[in-house]
Each structure stands twice: as C-alpha cells, then as structure tokens.
N, C-alpha and C. Protein backbone atom coordinates (compact mmCIF):
# COMPACT_ATOMS: atom_id res chain seq x y z
N MET A 1 -37.00 0.67 15.13
CA MET A 1 -36.82 -0.55 15.90
C MET A 1 -37.97 -0.75 16.87
N THR A 2 -38.46 0.32 17.47
CA THR A 2 -39.53 0.18 18.45
C THR A 2 -40.82 -0.30 17.81
N ARG A 3 -40.95 -0.17 16.51
CA ARG A 3 -42.18 -0.63 15.89
C ARG A 3 -42.27 -2.15 15.88
N PHE A 4 -41.13 -2.85 16.05
CA PHE A 4 -41.14 -4.31 16.09
C PHE A 4 -41.38 -4.86 17.48
N LEU A 5 -41.20 -4.03 18.50
CA LEU A 5 -41.40 -4.45 19.88
C LEU A 5 -42.83 -4.15 20.30
N PRO A 6 -43.45 -5.10 20.98
CA PRO A 6 -44.81 -4.82 21.45
C PRO A 6 -44.78 -3.77 22.56
N ALA A 7 -45.78 -2.99 22.61
CA ALA A 7 -45.88 -1.98 23.67
C ALA A 7 -46.11 -2.69 25.01
N LEU A 8 -45.39 -2.23 26.02
CA LEU A 8 -45.52 -2.85 27.35
C LEU A 8 -46.69 -2.21 28.09
N THR A 9 -47.44 -3.06 28.72
CA THR A 9 -48.50 -2.55 29.58
C THR A 9 -47.92 -2.29 30.95
N SER A 10 -48.64 -1.57 31.76
CA SER A 10 -48.14 -1.28 33.10
C SER A 10 -47.94 -2.56 33.90
N GLY A 11 -48.76 -3.59 33.66
CA GLY A 11 -48.59 -4.88 34.34
C GLY A 11 -47.29 -5.57 33.93
N GLN A 12 -46.98 -5.48 32.65
CA GLN A 12 -45.73 -6.07 32.18
C GLN A 12 -44.53 -5.32 32.73
N GLU A 13 -44.65 -4.02 32.80
CA GLU A 13 -43.55 -3.21 33.33
C GLU A 13 -43.28 -3.55 34.79
N ARG A 14 -44.34 -3.72 35.58
CA ARG A 14 -44.17 -4.08 36.99
C ARG A 14 -43.52 -5.45 37.12
N ARG A 15 -43.96 -6.40 36.29
CA ARG A 15 -43.40 -7.76 36.33
C ARG A 15 -41.91 -7.74 36.00
N GLU A 16 -41.56 -7.01 34.94
CA GLU A 16 -40.15 -6.93 34.57
C GLU A 16 -39.35 -6.19 35.62
N GLY A 17 -39.95 -5.21 36.25
CA GLY A 17 -39.28 -4.50 37.34
C GLY A 17 -39.00 -5.42 38.52
N ARG A 18 -39.97 -6.28 38.84
CA ARG A 18 -39.77 -7.24 39.94
C ARG A 18 -38.68 -8.25 39.58
N LEU A 19 -38.69 -8.72 38.33
CA LEU A 19 -37.66 -9.67 37.89
C LEU A 19 -36.28 -9.04 37.95
N LEU A 20 -36.18 -7.81 37.53
CA LEU A 20 -34.90 -7.10 37.58
C LEU A 20 -34.45 -6.92 39.03
N ALA A 21 -35.36 -6.55 39.90
CA ALA A 21 -35.02 -6.36 41.32
C ALA A 21 -34.55 -7.68 41.93
N ARG A 22 -35.19 -8.78 41.59
CA ARG A 22 -34.76 -10.09 42.11
C ARG A 22 -33.36 -10.44 41.61
N ALA A 23 -33.11 -10.15 40.33
CA ALA A 23 -31.79 -10.45 39.77
C ALA A 23 -30.71 -9.63 40.48
N VAL A 24 -30.99 -8.38 40.73
CA VAL A 24 -30.02 -7.52 41.43
C VAL A 24 -29.82 -8.01 42.86
N ASP A 25 -30.89 -8.41 43.53
CA ASP A 25 -30.78 -8.94 44.89
C ASP A 25 -29.93 -10.20 44.90
N GLU A 26 -30.09 -11.06 43.91
CA GLU A 26 -29.31 -12.30 43.84
C GLU A 26 -27.82 -11.99 43.65
N VAL A 27 -27.52 -11.02 42.80
CA VAL A 27 -26.12 -10.61 42.61
C VAL A 27 -25.55 -10.09 43.92
N ASP A 28 -26.32 -9.30 44.64
CA ASP A 28 -25.88 -8.78 45.94
C ASP A 28 -25.62 -9.91 46.92
N ARG A 29 -26.52 -10.89 46.96
CA ARG A 29 -26.35 -12.03 47.88
C ARG A 29 -25.10 -12.83 47.53
N GLN A 30 -24.88 -13.04 46.23
CA GLN A 30 -23.70 -13.79 45.80
C GLN A 30 -22.41 -13.02 46.14
N THR A 31 -22.45 -11.71 46.00
CA THR A 31 -21.29 -10.89 46.35
C THR A 31 -21.01 -10.98 47.85
N ASP A 32 -22.06 -10.86 48.65
CA ASP A 32 -21.90 -10.95 50.11
C ASP A 32 -21.36 -12.32 50.51
N LEU A 33 -21.86 -13.37 49.89
CA LEU A 33 -21.40 -14.72 50.19
C LEU A 33 -19.93 -14.89 49.80
N GLY A 34 -19.56 -14.38 48.64
CA GLY A 34 -18.17 -14.46 48.21
C GLY A 34 -17.23 -13.73 49.15
N LEU A 35 -17.64 -12.54 49.58
CA LEU A 35 -16.81 -11.79 50.53
C LEU A 35 -16.72 -12.50 51.87
N ALA A 36 -17.80 -13.09 52.33
CA ALA A 36 -17.78 -13.83 53.60
C ALA A 36 -16.82 -15.01 53.52
N LYS A 37 -16.80 -15.69 52.38
CA LYS A 37 -15.88 -16.83 52.21
C LYS A 37 -14.43 -16.36 52.24
N ILE A 38 -14.16 -15.24 51.59
CA ILE A 38 -12.79 -14.70 51.58
C ILE A 38 -12.37 -14.30 52.99
N GLU A 39 -13.25 -13.62 53.73
CA GLU A 39 -12.93 -13.21 55.10
C GLU A 39 -12.71 -14.41 56.00
N HIS A 40 -13.50 -15.45 55.81
CA HIS A 40 -13.35 -16.68 56.61
C HIS A 40 -11.99 -17.32 56.32
N ALA A 41 -11.62 -17.40 55.06
CA ALA A 41 -10.33 -17.98 54.69
C ALA A 41 -9.18 -17.16 55.30
N ALA A 42 -9.32 -15.84 55.28
CA ALA A 42 -8.28 -14.98 55.86
C ALA A 42 -8.18 -15.20 57.37
N ASP A 43 -9.31 -15.33 58.04
CA ASP A 43 -9.30 -15.58 59.49
C ASP A 43 -8.61 -16.90 59.80
N LEU A 44 -8.85 -17.91 58.98
CA LEU A 44 -8.18 -19.21 59.19
C LEU A 44 -6.67 -19.08 59.02
N GLN A 45 -6.25 -18.34 58.02
CA GLN A 45 -4.82 -18.17 57.79
C GLN A 45 -4.17 -17.42 58.96
N VAL A 46 -4.84 -16.41 59.46
CA VAL A 46 -4.31 -15.66 60.61
C VAL A 46 -4.18 -16.58 61.82
N GLY A 47 -5.18 -17.41 62.04
CA GLY A 47 -5.12 -18.37 63.15
C GLY A 47 -3.96 -19.33 63.01
N ARG A 48 -3.73 -19.78 61.79
CA ARG A 48 -2.60 -20.69 61.54
C ARG A 48 -1.27 -20.02 61.86
N VAL A 49 -1.11 -18.79 61.40
CA VAL A 49 0.13 -18.05 61.66
C VAL A 49 0.32 -17.84 63.16
N GLN A 50 -0.75 -17.50 63.85
CA GLN A 50 -0.65 -17.28 65.30
C GLN A 50 -0.27 -18.57 66.02
N ALA A 51 -0.83 -19.69 65.61
CA ALA A 51 -0.51 -20.97 66.26
C ALA A 51 0.96 -21.33 66.05
N ILE A 52 1.42 -21.17 64.83
CA ILE A 52 2.82 -21.49 64.54
C ILE A 52 3.75 -20.55 65.31
N GLY A 53 3.40 -19.26 65.33
CA GLY A 53 4.22 -18.29 66.05
C GLY A 53 4.27 -18.57 67.54
N TYR A 54 3.14 -18.95 68.11
CA TYR A 54 3.09 -19.24 69.54
C TYR A 54 3.99 -20.42 69.88
N VAL A 55 3.87 -21.49 69.12
CA VAL A 55 4.68 -22.68 69.39
C VAL A 55 6.16 -22.37 69.17
N GLY A 56 6.47 -21.61 68.13
CA GLY A 56 7.87 -21.25 67.86
C GLY A 56 8.46 -20.40 68.98
N LYS A 57 7.69 -19.40 69.45
CA LYS A 57 8.19 -18.55 70.54
C LYS A 57 8.43 -19.35 71.81
N ARG A 58 7.50 -20.24 72.13
CA ARG A 58 7.67 -21.06 73.33
C ARG A 58 8.89 -21.95 73.20
N ALA A 59 9.09 -22.51 72.02
CA ALA A 59 10.26 -23.38 71.80
C ALA A 59 11.56 -22.60 71.99
N VAL A 60 11.62 -21.41 71.43
CA VAL A 60 12.83 -20.59 71.55
C VAL A 60 13.09 -20.22 73.02
N GLN A 61 12.04 -19.87 73.73
CA GLN A 61 12.20 -19.53 75.15
C GLN A 61 12.72 -20.72 75.94
N GLU A 62 12.15 -21.88 75.72
CA GLU A 62 12.57 -23.06 76.47
C GLU A 62 14.00 -23.45 76.13
N ILE A 63 14.36 -23.35 74.86
CA ILE A 63 15.74 -23.68 74.46
C ILE A 63 16.72 -22.69 75.10
N ALA A 64 16.33 -21.42 75.17
CA ALA A 64 17.20 -20.43 75.80
C ALA A 64 17.41 -20.75 77.28
N LEU A 65 16.32 -21.15 77.96
CA LEU A 65 16.45 -21.50 79.38
C LEU A 65 17.33 -22.74 79.57
N VAL A 66 17.15 -23.72 78.71
CA VAL A 66 17.98 -24.94 78.80
C VAL A 66 19.44 -24.58 78.55
N SER A 67 19.69 -23.74 77.55
CA SER A 67 21.07 -23.34 77.24
C SER A 67 21.70 -22.57 78.40
N GLN A 68 20.91 -21.70 79.00
CA GLN A 68 21.41 -20.94 80.15
C GLN A 68 21.77 -21.88 81.29
N LEU A 69 20.90 -22.84 81.56
CA LEU A 69 21.17 -23.81 82.62
C LEU A 69 22.39 -24.67 82.29
N GLU A 70 22.51 -25.01 81.02
CA GLU A 70 23.66 -25.81 80.58
C GLU A 70 24.96 -25.07 80.86
N VAL A 71 25.01 -23.79 80.56
CA VAL A 71 26.22 -22.98 80.81
C VAL A 71 26.51 -22.90 82.31
N GLN A 72 25.47 -22.66 83.10
CA GLN A 72 25.67 -22.54 84.55
C GLN A 72 26.18 -23.85 85.15
N LEU A 73 25.58 -24.97 84.72
CA LEU A 73 26.02 -26.25 85.27
C LEU A 73 27.41 -26.63 84.77
N THR A 74 27.73 -26.25 83.53
CA THR A 74 29.07 -26.52 83.00
C THR A 74 30.12 -25.76 83.80
N ASN A 75 29.78 -24.54 84.22
CA ASN A 75 30.71 -23.77 85.06
C ASN A 75 30.89 -24.42 86.42
N LEU A 76 29.82 -25.04 86.94
CA LEU A 76 29.93 -25.71 88.25
C LEU A 76 30.65 -27.03 88.15
N VAL A 77 30.35 -27.79 87.09
CA VAL A 77 30.94 -29.12 86.93
C VAL A 77 31.48 -29.23 85.50
N PRO A 78 32.67 -28.76 85.25
CA PRO A 78 33.23 -28.77 83.89
C PRO A 78 33.30 -30.16 83.27
N SER A 79 33.50 -31.17 84.06
CA SER A 79 33.61 -32.53 83.49
C SER A 79 32.27 -33.03 82.94
N ALA A 80 31.16 -32.39 83.30
CA ALA A 80 29.84 -32.79 82.81
C ALA A 80 29.48 -32.08 81.50
N ALA A 81 30.36 -31.24 81.00
CA ALA A 81 30.07 -30.42 79.82
C ALA A 81 29.59 -31.25 78.62
N PRO A 82 30.27 -32.36 78.28
CA PRO A 82 29.81 -33.11 77.10
C PRO A 82 28.39 -33.67 77.27
N ARG A 83 28.11 -34.17 78.47
CA ARG A 83 26.77 -34.72 78.72
C ARG A 83 25.70 -33.61 78.71
N LEU A 84 26.03 -32.50 79.35
CA LEU A 84 25.08 -31.38 79.37
C LEU A 84 24.82 -30.86 77.95
N MET A 85 25.89 -30.78 77.15
CA MET A 85 25.74 -30.34 75.77
C MET A 85 24.87 -31.31 74.98
N ALA A 86 25.06 -32.59 75.19
CA ALA A 86 24.27 -33.61 74.48
C ALA A 86 22.78 -33.47 74.84
N ILE A 87 22.52 -33.29 76.12
CA ILE A 87 21.12 -33.14 76.56
C ILE A 87 20.53 -31.85 75.99
N GLY A 88 21.28 -30.76 76.03
CA GLY A 88 20.82 -29.50 75.46
C GLY A 88 20.52 -29.63 73.98
N ASP A 89 21.40 -30.35 73.26
CA ASP A 89 21.17 -30.55 71.82
C ASP A 89 19.91 -31.38 71.56
N MET A 90 19.69 -32.40 72.40
CA MET A 90 18.49 -33.22 72.23
C MET A 90 17.22 -32.41 72.48
N VAL A 91 17.28 -31.55 73.50
CA VAL A 91 16.12 -30.69 73.78
C VAL A 91 15.87 -29.75 72.60
N ALA A 92 16.92 -29.16 72.07
CA ALA A 92 16.78 -28.24 70.94
C ALA A 92 16.23 -28.97 69.71
N LEU A 93 16.74 -30.16 69.44
CA LEU A 93 16.24 -30.94 68.31
C LEU A 93 14.77 -31.34 68.51
N GLY A 94 14.44 -31.73 69.73
CA GLY A 94 13.05 -32.10 70.02
C GLY A 94 12.11 -30.92 69.84
N ALA A 95 12.54 -29.76 70.31
CA ALA A 95 11.71 -28.56 70.17
C ALA A 95 11.56 -28.19 68.69
N ALA A 96 12.63 -28.30 67.94
CA ALA A 96 12.56 -28.02 66.49
C ALA A 96 11.61 -28.99 65.81
N ASP A 97 11.63 -30.24 66.24
CA ASP A 97 10.71 -31.24 65.68
C ASP A 97 9.25 -30.89 65.98
N VAL A 98 9.00 -30.43 67.21
CA VAL A 98 7.64 -30.04 67.58
C VAL A 98 7.17 -28.85 66.75
N VAL A 99 8.04 -27.87 66.56
CA VAL A 99 7.68 -26.71 65.74
C VAL A 99 7.41 -27.15 64.31
N SER A 100 8.26 -28.00 63.79
CA SER A 100 8.08 -28.51 62.43
C SER A 100 6.76 -29.27 62.28
N GLU A 101 6.46 -30.11 63.25
CA GLU A 101 5.20 -30.87 63.23
C GLU A 101 4.00 -29.93 63.32
N THR A 102 4.13 -28.89 64.11
CA THR A 102 3.05 -27.90 64.22
C THR A 102 2.79 -27.25 62.87
N VAL A 103 3.84 -26.88 62.19
CA VAL A 103 3.71 -26.27 60.86
C VAL A 103 2.99 -27.23 59.92
N ARG A 104 3.38 -28.50 59.94
CA ARG A 104 2.74 -29.48 59.05
C ARG A 104 1.27 -29.66 59.39
N ARG A 105 0.96 -29.79 60.67
CA ARG A 105 -0.44 -30.01 61.07
C ARG A 105 -1.32 -28.81 60.79
N VAL A 106 -0.81 -27.63 61.08
CA VAL A 106 -1.60 -26.42 60.92
C VAL A 106 -1.79 -26.07 59.43
N SER A 107 -0.83 -26.44 58.62
CA SER A 107 -0.90 -26.09 57.20
C SER A 107 -1.84 -26.97 56.41
N ARG A 108 -2.35 -28.01 57.00
CA ARG A 108 -3.24 -28.92 56.27
C ARG A 108 -4.60 -28.32 56.08
C-alpha cells in the first residue's frame, strides 16, 4: 500500500503536523465553549430556583404573621372574626398570586 503513497518530505510532514495541531486546538475550543454554555445555563437555572424560593419563603412568612394577628384580634373582638378571616384569606390569595406570577416570569 505504501508504494502508492508519495513519500512525504520533511516540509510536508511539518505542514500536516501544523494542520493536525490546529484541528485539535479547534476541537478543544469547541469543547470549552460547549462546557461554558452548559455552566451558564445551569447558573441561570439556579438563579431562577433561588428567586422563586425567596419569594415563596417571604410569602409564607407574611401569611403566617397575618394569620397570627388574625387569631389574636379574633380573641380580642370575636364579632370581627368573619371580617378578619376574609381579610386574611385575601392576603393569602394575593400572596399566592404573587408567587405564581413570579414562577411564570422567572420560567420564561
């Protein structure tokens, strides 16, 4: 088989060596770029989860405080219980809406 291939001169060998080195460098660059894109996407996803978690935790804390206040005021003024419950429910629904909207916005 080698009798059909022309003998390479040292100049040809160097040229092919440079071409091979460039090809390997390009593969390395493409690999690095691909990994950077994956890491960037992962960082974005982590940020999204953190944003949703933060808003959710704040909503739960605020609803707990409103509920606690509702119970305390109901004990002081029992006749206000229906109104206090209605306001507490509206606050809880509003907070749930904000959390839901945050999920929609962040997920885009």
